[in-house]
Amino acid sequence: MVQAYILIQTEVGKATAVAELISEIPGVLTAEDVTGPYDVIVKAEAETVDDLGRMVVAQVQKVEGITRTLTCPVVHL
């Protein structure tokens, strides 16, 4: 299993709606509104890095109100 944090910037006033919609995507463990340079932080997991990438591009980035994402895979050193 590959896990990642997805940092999301949204249009003004859209953070809560974006977090709620993203939390329904299979593979999303948590989706929280936050303050700071990002508006929503998501923890997600998938079988492979490729599956994770497909989830982000095909599902997460298509949620209305998102302006930018940054995916940070978890590494175990």
Protein backbone atom coordinates (compact mmCIF):
# COMPACT_ATOMS: atom_id res chain seq x y z
CA MET A 1 0.00 0.00 0.00
CA VAL A 2 1.16 3.51 -0.85
CA GLN A 3 -0.07 6.42 1.24
CA ALA A 4 0.14 10.12 0.48
CA TYR A 5 -0.97 13.48 1.75
CA ILE A 6 -2.64 15.63 -0.89
CA LEU A 7 -2.45 19.36 -0.17
CA ILE A 8 -5.23 21.27 -1.89
CA GLN A 9 -5.89 24.92 -2.62
CA THR A 10 -9.49 25.84 -3.37
CA GLU A 11 -11.49 28.78 -4.58
CA VAL A 12 -12.49 31.15 -1.77
CA GLY A 13 -15.26 29.67 0.37
CA LYS A 14 -15.11 26.20 -1.22
CA ALA A 15 -12.91 24.30 1.26
CA THR A 16 -15.69 22.59 3.21
CA ALA A 17 -17.57 21.48 0.09
CA VAL A 18 -14.34 20.21 -1.51
CA ALA A 19 -13.39 18.24 1.62
CA GLU A 20 -16.85 16.66 1.80
CA LEU A 21 -16.81 15.60 -1.86
CA ILE A 22 -13.27 14.25 -1.70
CA SER A 23 -14.01 12.23 1.44
CA GLU A 24 -16.40 10.11 -0.67
CA ILE A 25 -13.68 9.02 -3.13
CA PRO A 26 -12.55 5.39 -2.63
CA GLY A 27 -9.03 5.34 -1.18
CA VAL A 28 -9.41 8.62 0.69
CA LEU A 29 -8.84 8.02 4.39
CA THR A 30 -9.43 11.58 5.63
CA ALA A 31 -10.17 15.00 4.14
CA GLU A 32 -9.93 17.99 6.47
CA ASP A 33 -10.32 21.76 6.03
CA VAL A 34 -7.27 23.57 7.39
CA THR A 35 -5.91 27.09 7.60
CA GLY A 36 -2.68 28.31 6.04
CA PRO A 37 -1.42 28.18 2.45
CA TYR A 38 -3.58 25.09 1.75
CA ASP A 39 -7.31 24.83 2.34
CA VAL A 40 -7.79 21.05 2.49
CA ILE A 41 -5.42 18.22 3.43
CA VAL A 42 -6.28 14.71 2.34
CA LYS A 43 -4.72 11.42 3.43
CA ALA A 44 -5.17 8.75 0.77
CA GLU A 45 -3.91 5.28 -0.04
CA ALA A 46 -3.72 3.05 -3.09
CA GLU A 47 -2.13 -0.24 -4.08
CA THR A 48 0.64 1.38 -6.18
CA VAL A 49 2.08 4.80 -6.94
CA ASP A 50 0.47 4.58 -10.39
CA ASP A 51 -2.94 3.86 -8.83
CA LEU A 52 -2.44 6.82 -6.50
CA GLY A 53 -1.59 9.08 -9.43
CA ARG A 54 -4.67 7.91 -11.32
CA MET A 55 -6.85 8.65 -8.29
CA VAL A 56 -5.48 12.18 -7.97
CA VAL A 57 -5.74 13.03 -11.67
CA ALA A 58 -8.98 11.22 -12.54
CA GLN A 59 -10.97 11.85 -9.38
CA VAL A 60 -9.52 14.36 -6.91
CA GLN A 61 -8.53 17.06 -9.40
CA LYS A 62 -11.95 16.90 -11.06
CA VAL A 63 -13.74 18.08 -7.91
CA GLU A 64 -15.24 21.49 -8.57
CA GLY A 65 -13.60 24.32 -6.62
CA ILE A 66 -10.02 22.98 -6.61
CA THR A 67 -7.38 25.31 -8.01
CA ARG A 68 -4.18 23.37 -7.23
CA THR A 69 -3.00 20.11 -5.67
CA LEU A 70 0.35 18.91 -4.34
CA THR A 71 0.72 15.18 -3.70
CA CYS A 72 3.24 14.12 -1.04
CA PRO A 73 3.80 10.35 -0.92
CA VAL A 74 4.70 8.92 2.48
CA VAL A 75 8.15 7.31 2.59
CA HIS A 76 9.46 4.88 5.18
CA LEU A 77 13.22 5.32 5.53
